[in-house]
Amino acid sequence: MTKILYLDTETTGITDNSAIVQISGIIRIGKEIKEEFNFYIKPHKGADIADEALAIQKRTLEEINAFPDGKIAYAELIKIFDKYIDKFDKNDKFILAGYNVEFDARMLNNFFKLNKNKYMYGYIGQKLDPLYLIPWLQISKKIPVLENNKLGTWCNHFNIELEAHDSLEDIRATAKLINHFFRFLK
C-alpha cells in the first residue's frame, strides 16, 4: 500500500545551518489520511537566522526562541514515523511529497543529524513534487502556463485556500494541488 508523507518546513534561512522552526505533515496510506502533525521548534544554538526568513513568516526572534526545544519535536516525529514505517525494511518507506520538496528533505535530514541520527532515509524513499509535474502537464496541454510556478499562483488558479508561509497551511494546500494534478494524469 502506498504511504505518502506530505511535508513542509518553515526555516530560519536556506543554509545547512538554518533551523527548522515549524514542521508539518500529513500521512496518507492508500486513500486514507491517517495523521496530521504540526510542531514548532526553537532554533538550535548557533543556527543561521536570516531576518528575511522571519519577515516572510511574520515571526520575530523572540517568538521563535520561545518555541519548544527541538529534541521534543524530534522525539514526537520519530514516534509518528515508527508507527507507519519499518525503517529496517527497504521496501517500507514514505514517498515524501511537497512543493520544492528537495529543500524540505535537506532541512529534515539536517534536523535528523542535529539529533544524532543519520538515517532519515530509513523512513523516506521516493519524492513527489508537483513543481516537477507542471512542465509535463503543460506540454500535454492539461494545464495552462501561468505567470510563475509558485505554490500560491497554482493554488489561486485552482481555488485552493492558502495561508502562505505557515507549514501546516502550505502542506494542506500542496496535498490538494497534488490531487488536482493526479486527476490530470488519469
C-alpha atoms as a PDB file:
ATOM      1  CA  MET A   1       0.000   0.000   0.000  1.00  0.00           C
ATOM      2  CA  THR A   2       1.306   3.449  -0.919  1.00  0.00           C
ATOM      3  CA  LYS A   3       2.454   5.556   2.013  1.00  0.00           C
ATOM      4  CA  ILE A   4       2.771   9.280   1.384  1.00  0.00           C
ATOM      5  CA  LEU A   5       4.237  11.782   3.810  1.00  0.00           C
ATOM      6  CA  TYR A   6       3.239  15.290   2.721  1.00  0.00           C
ATOM      7  CA  LEU A   7       5.792  17.505   4.463  1.00  0.00           C
ATOM      8  CA  ASP A   8       6.621  21.182   4.696  1.00  0.00           C
ATOM      9  CA  THR A   9       9.027  23.166   6.845  1.00  0.00           C
ATOM     10  CA  GLU A  10       9.475  26.791   7.780  1.00  0.00           C
ATOM     11  CA  THR A  11      13.091  27.650   8.481  1.00  0.00           C
ATOM     12  CA  THR A  12      15.346  30.461   9.615  1.00  0.00           C
ATOM     13  CA  GLY A  13      17.029  30.566   6.212  1.00  0.00           C
ATOM     14  CA  ILE A  14      18.329  28.398   3.404  1.00  0.00           C
ATOM     15  CA  THR A  15      21.785  27.390   4.648  1.00  0.00           C
ATOM     16  CA  ASP A  16      22.564  23.953   6.024  1.00  0.00           C
ATOM     17  CA  ASN A  17      22.954  25.583   9.446  1.00  0.00           C
ATOM     18  CA  SER A  18      19.499  27.166   9.297  1.00  0.00           C
ATOM     19  CA  ALA A  19      16.966  25.795  11.763  1.00  0.00           C
ATOM     20  CA  ILE A  20      13.529  24.351  11.225  1.00  0.00           C
ATOM     21  CA  VAL A  21      11.099  26.463  13.275  1.00  0.00           C
ATOM     22  CA  GLN A  22       7.930  24.727  12.086  1.00  0.00           C
ATOM     23  CA  ILE A  23       7.457  21.280  10.574  1.00  0.00           C
ATOM     24  CA  SER A  24       4.098  19.974   9.467  1.00  0.00           C
ATOM     25  CA  GLY A  25       2.912  16.878   7.735  1.00  0.00           C
ATOM     26  CA  ILE A  26       0.052  14.731   6.604  1.00  0.00           C
ATOM     27  CA  ILE A  27       0.378  10.959   6.457  1.00  0.00           C
ATOM     28  CA  ARG A  28      -1.715   9.209   3.843  1.00  0.00           C
ATOM     29  CA  ILE A  29      -1.781   5.451   3.473  1.00  0.00           C
ATOM     30  CA  GLY A  30      -3.631   4.260   0.416  1.00  0.00           C
ATOM     31  CA  LYS A  31      -6.508   6.674   0.062  1.00  0.00           C
ATOM     32  CA  GLU A  32      -6.866   7.380   3.787  1.00  0.00           C
ATOM     33  CA  ILE A  33      -5.406  10.279   5.760  1.00  0.00           C
ATOM     34  CA  LYS A  34      -4.020   8.645   8.895  1.00  0.00           C
ATOM     35  CA  GLU A  35      -2.491  11.554  10.740  1.00  0.00           C
ATOM     36  CA  GLU A  36      -1.582  15.215  10.626  1.00  0.00           C
ATOM     37  CA  PHE A  37       1.144  16.839  12.713  1.00  0.00           C
ATOM     38  CA  ASN A  38       2.439  20.337  13.339  1.00  0.00           C
ATOM     39  CA  PHE A  39       5.455  21.167  15.526  1.00  0.00           C
ATOM     40  CA  TYR A  40       7.037  24.497  16.391  1.00  0.00           C
ATOM     41  CA  ILE A  41      10.746  24.284  17.177  1.00  0.00           C
ATOM     42  CA  LYS A  42      13.169  26.623  18.913  1.00  0.00           C
ATOM     43  CA  PRO A  43      16.246  27.188  16.708  1.00  0.00           C
ATOM     44  CA  HIS A  44      19.314  25.211  17.735  1.00  0.00           C
ATOM     45  CA  LYS A  45      22.210  27.073  19.329  1.00  0.00           C
ATOM     46  CA  GLY A  46      24.314  28.825  16.700  1.00  0.00           C
ATOM     47  CA  ALA A  47      21.698  28.474  13.938  1.00  0.00           C
ATOM     48  CA  ASP A  48      21.854  30.840  10.991  1.00  0.00           C
ATOM     49  CA  ILE A  49      18.850  33.136  11.293  1.00  0.00           C
ATOM     50  CA  ALA A  50      18.010  35.394   8.363  1.00  0.00           C
ATOM     51  CA  ASP A  51      15.846  38.437   9.084  1.00  0.00           C
ATOM     52  CA  GLU A  52      14.252  37.983   5.647  1.00  0.00           C
ATOM     53  CA  ALA A  53      13.120  34.428   6.526  1.00  0.00           C
ATOM     54  CA  LEU A  54      11.470  35.650   9.720  1.00  0.00           C
ATOM     55  CA  ALA A  55       9.809  38.550   7.881  1.00  0.00           C
ATOM     56  CA  ILE A  56       8.335  36.199   5.256  1.00  0.00           C
ATOM     57  CA  GLN A  57       6.847  34.078   8.067  1.00  0.00           C
ATOM     58  CA  LYS A  58       5.750  37.156  10.035  1.00  0.00           C
ATOM     59  CA  ARG A  59       7.661  35.877  13.082  1.00  0.00           C
ATOM     60  CA  THR A  60      10.035  37.535  15.498  1.00  0.00           C
ATOM     61  CA  LEU A  61      13.248  36.264  17.015  1.00  0.00           C
ATOM     62  CA  GLU A  62      11.599  36.412  20.442  1.00  0.00           C
ATOM     63  CA  GLU A  63       8.682  34.308  19.202  1.00  0.00           C
ATOM     64  CA  ILE A  64      10.795  31.511  17.695  1.00  0.00           C
ATOM     65  CA  ASN A  65      13.124  31.452  20.709  1.00  0.00           C
ATOM     66  CA  ALA A  66      10.063  30.743  22.873  1.00  0.00           C
ATOM     67  CA  PHE A  67       9.173  27.620  20.831  1.00  0.00           C
ATOM     68  CA  PRO A  68       9.782  24.191  22.446  1.00  0.00           C
ATOM     69  CA  ASP A  69      13.209  22.577  22.225  1.00  0.00           C
ATOM     70  CA  GLY A  70      13.869  20.647  19.014  1.00  0.00           C
ATOM     71  CA  LYS A  71      14.515  17.404  20.883  1.00  0.00           C
ATOM     72  CA  ILE A  72      10.829  17.303  21.852  1.00  0.00           C
ATOM     73  CA  ALA A  73       9.616  17.655  18.253  1.00  0.00           C
ATOM     74  CA  TYR A  74      12.248  15.189  17.038  1.00  0.00           C
ATOM     75  CA  ALA A  75      11.141  12.524  19.546  1.00  0.00           C
ATOM     76  CA  GLU A  76       7.484  13.002  18.588  1.00  0.00           C
ATOM     77  CA  LEU A  77       8.318  12.895  14.878  1.00  0.00           C
ATOM     78  CA  ILE A  78      10.206   9.610  15.293  1.00  0.00           C
ATOM     79  CA  LYS A  79       7.239   8.120  17.187  1.00  0.00           C
ATOM     80  CA  ILE A  80       4.935   9.088  14.332  1.00  0.00           C
ATOM     81  CA  PHE A  81       7.284   7.754  11.637  1.00  0.00           C
ATOM     82  CA  ASP A  82       7.835   4.490  13.549  1.00  0.00           C
ATOM     83  CA  LYS A  83       4.073   3.999  13.756  1.00  0.00           C
ATOM     84  CA  TYR A  84       3.832   3.716   9.951  1.00  0.00           C
ATOM     85  CA  ILE A  85       7.266   2.679   8.675  1.00  0.00           C
ATOM     86  CA  ASP A  86       9.624  -0.199   9.464  1.00  0.00           C
ATOM     87  CA  LYS A  87      12.860   1.708   8.944  1.00  0.00           C
ATOM     88  CA  PHE A  88      14.780  -1.574   8.536  1.00  0.00           C
ATOM     89  CA  ASP A  89      12.593  -2.751   5.623  1.00  0.00           C
ATOM     90  CA  LYS A  90      13.967  -1.288   2.390  1.00  0.00           C
ATOM     91  CA  ASN A  91      10.547  -1.642   0.752  1.00  0.00           C
ATOM     92  CA  ASP A  92       8.622   0.129   3.520  1.00  0.00           C
ATOM     93  CA  LYS A  93       9.247   3.857   3.013  1.00  0.00           C
ATOM     94  CA  PHE A  94       7.226   7.024   2.761  1.00  0.00           C
ATOM     95  CA  ILE A  95       7.001   8.793  -0.558  1.00  0.00           C
ATOM     96  CA  LEU A  96       7.984  12.296   0.535  1.00  0.00           C
ATOM     97  CA  ALA A  97       5.625  14.799  -1.103  1.00  0.00           C
ATOM     98  CA  GLY A  98       5.822  18.570  -1.030  1.00  0.00           C
ATOM     99  CA  TYR A  99       6.286  21.685  -3.092  1.00  0.00           C
ATOM    100  CA  ASN A 100      10.004  22.114  -3.816  1.00  0.00           C
ATOM    101  CA  VAL A 101      10.381  19.070  -1.572  1.00  0.00           C
ATOM    102  CA  GLU A 102      14.153  18.735  -2.070  1.00  0.00           C
ATOM    103  CA  PHE A 103      14.614  21.735   0.227  1.00  0.00           C
ATOM    104  CA  ASP A 104      12.378  20.217   2.926  1.00  0.00           C
ATOM    105  CA  ALA A 105      14.151  16.851   2.596  1.00  0.00           C
ATOM    106  CA  ARG A 106      17.525  18.568   3.069  1.00  0.00           C
ATOM    107  CA  MET A 107      16.294  20.503   6.100  1.00  0.00           C
ATOM    108  CA  LEU A 108      14.706  17.380   7.616  1.00  0.00           C
ATOM    109  CA  ASN A 109      17.936  15.444   7.069  1.00  0.00           C
ATOM    110  CA  ASN A 110      19.889  18.240   8.783  1.00  0.00           C
ATOM    111  CA  PHE A 111      17.377  18.102  11.666  1.00  0.00           C
ATOM    112  CA  PHE A 112      17.898  14.348  11.992  1.00  0.00           C
ATOM    113  CA  LYS A 113      21.693  14.819  12.016  1.00  0.00           C
ATOM    114  CA  LEU A 114      21.367  17.572  14.622  1.00  0.00           C
ATOM    115  CA  ASN A 115      19.594  14.958  16.750  1.00  0.00           C
ATOM    116  CA  LYS A 116      22.421  12.431  16.218  1.00  0.00           C
ATOM    117  CA  ASN A 117      20.511  10.368  13.644  1.00  0.00           C
ATOM    118  CA  LYS A 118      21.976   9.970  10.163  1.00  0.00           C
ATOM    119  CA  TYR A 119      19.276   7.562   8.979  1.00  0.00           C
ATOM    120  CA  MET A 120      16.424   9.779   7.789  1.00  0.00           C
ATOM    121  CA  TYR A 121      16.306   7.740   4.602  1.00  0.00           C
ATOM    122  CA  GLY A 122      15.301   4.726   6.678  1.00  0.00           C
ATOM    123  CA  TYR A 123      11.876   6.398   6.566  1.00  0.00           C
ATOM    124  CA  ILE A 124      11.949   8.185   3.212  1.00  0.00           C
ATOM    125  CA  GLY A 125      12.107   6.669  -0.260  1.00  0.00           C
ATOM    126  CA  GLN A 126      10.940   8.365  -3.435  1.00  0.00           C
ATOM    127  CA  LYS A 127       9.950  12.016  -3.674  1.00  0.00           C
ATOM    128  CA  LEU A 128       6.862  13.541  -5.248  1.00  0.00           C
ATOM    129  CA  ASP A 129       6.953  17.226  -6.133  1.00  0.00           C
ATOM    130  CA  PRO A 130       4.161  18.953  -8.062  1.00  0.00           C
ATOM    131  CA  LEU A 131       6.717  21.543  -9.185  1.00  0.00           C
ATOM    132  CA  TYR A 132       8.217  18.863 -11.448  1.00  0.00           C
ATOM    133  CA  LEU A 133       4.825  17.718 -12.743  1.00  0.00           C
ATOM    134  CA  ILE A 134       3.955  21.196 -14.046  1.00  0.00           C
ATOM    135  CA  PRO A 135       6.063  21.090 -17.250  1.00  0.00           C
ATOM    136  CA  TRP A 136       4.733  17.619 -18.137  1.00  0.00           C
ATOM    137  CA  LEU A 137       1.154  18.731 -17.653  1.00  0.00           C
ATOM    138  CA  GLN A 138       1.778  21.943 -19.608  1.00  0.00           C
ATOM    139  CA  ILE A 139       3.412  20.101 -22.524  1.00  0.00           C
ATOM    140  CA  SER A 140       0.434  17.737 -22.673  1.00  0.00           C
ATOM    141  CA  LYS A 141      -1.860  20.803 -22.587  1.00  0.00           C
ATOM    142  CA  LYS A 142      -3.587  19.635 -19.378  1.00  0.00           C
ATOM    143  CA  ILE A 143      -2.793  22.880 -17.527  1.00  0.00           C
ATOM    144  CA  PRO A 144      -2.004  26.413 -18.715  1.00  0.00           C
ATOM    145  CA  VAL A 145       1.246  28.309 -18.457  1.00  0.00           C
ATOM    146  CA  LEU A 146       0.836  30.833 -15.643  1.00  0.00           C
ATOM    147  CA  GLU A 147       2.914  33.918 -14.768  1.00  0.00           C
ATOM    148  CA  ASN A 148       5.085  31.792 -12.427  1.00  0.00           C
ATOM    149  CA  ASN A 149       5.132  28.396 -10.788  1.00  0.00           C
ATOM    150  CA  LYS A 150       4.868  29.455  -7.154  1.00  0.00           C
ATOM    151  CA  LEU A 151       2.620  27.411  -4.883  1.00  0.00           C
ATOM    152  CA  GLY A 152       0.387  30.428  -4.289  1.00  0.00           C
ATOM    153  CA  THR A 153      -0.083  31.040  -8.005  1.00  0.00           C
ATOM    154  CA  TRP A 154      -1.194  27.458  -8.653  1.00  0.00           C
ATOM    155  CA  CYS A 155      -3.412  27.382  -5.569  1.00  0.00           C
ATOM    156  CA  ASN A 156      -5.063  30.587  -6.733  1.00  0.00           C
ATOM    157  CA  HIS A 157      -5.582  29.085 -10.199  1.00  0.00           C
ATOM    158  CA  PHE A 158      -7.360  26.029  -8.736  1.00  0.00           C
ATOM    159  CA  ASN A 159      -9.177  27.999  -5.988  1.00  0.00           C
ATOM    160  CA  ILE A 160      -7.269  26.231  -3.214  1.00  0.00           C
ATOM    161  CA  GLU A 161      -7.128  28.240   0.002  1.00  0.00           C
ATOM    162  CA  LEU A 162      -3.608  29.063   1.109  1.00  0.00           C
ATOM    163  CA  GLU A 163      -2.277  30.991   4.096  1.00  0.00           C
ATOM    164  CA  ALA A 164       1.297  31.012   2.785  1.00  0.00           C
ATOM    165  CA  HIS A 165       4.395  30.570   4.938  1.00  0.00           C
ATOM    166  CA  ASP A 166       2.749  28.512   7.643  1.00  0.00           C
ATOM    167  CA  SER A 167       3.972  24.964   7.045  1.00  0.00           C
ATOM    168  CA  LEU A 168       0.672  23.329   8.040  1.00  0.00           C
ATOM    169  CA  GLU A 169      -1.321  25.550   5.683  1.00  0.00           C
ATOM    170  CA  ASP A 170       1.284  25.122   2.931  1.00  0.00           C
ATOM    171  CA  ILE A 171       1.250  21.329   3.127  1.00  0.00           C
ATOM    172  CA  ARG A 172      -2.544  21.113   3.224  1.00  0.00           C
ATOM    173  CA  ALA A 173      -2.665  23.234   0.065  1.00  0.00           C
ATOM    174  CA  THR A 174       0.133  21.213  -1.554  1.00  0.00           C
ATOM    175  CA  ALA A 175      -1.715  17.944  -0.894  1.00  0.00           C
ATOM    176  CA  LYS A 176      -4.821  19.388  -2.572  1.00  0.00           C
ATOM    177  CA  LEU A 177      -2.751  20.625  -5.514  1.00  0.00           C
ATOM    178  CA  ILE A 178      -1.147  17.198  -5.964  1.00  0.00           C
ATOM    179  CA  ASN A 179      -4.624  15.644  -6.007  1.00  0.00           C
ATOM    180  CA  HIS A 180      -5.659  18.108  -8.741  1.00  0.00           C
ATOM    181  CA  PHE A 181      -2.606  17.152 -10.782  1.00  0.00           C
ATOM    182  CA  PHE A 182      -3.294  13.415 -10.286  1.00  0.00           C
ATOM    183  CA  ARG A 183      -6.703  13.919 -11.879  1.00  0.00           C
ATOM    184  CA  PHE A 184      -4.993  15.344 -14.974  1.00  0.00           C
ATOM    185  CA  LEU A 185      -2.652  12.364 -15.148  1.00  0.00           C
ATOM    186  CA  LYS A 186      -5.512   9.835 -15.318  1.00  0.00           C
END
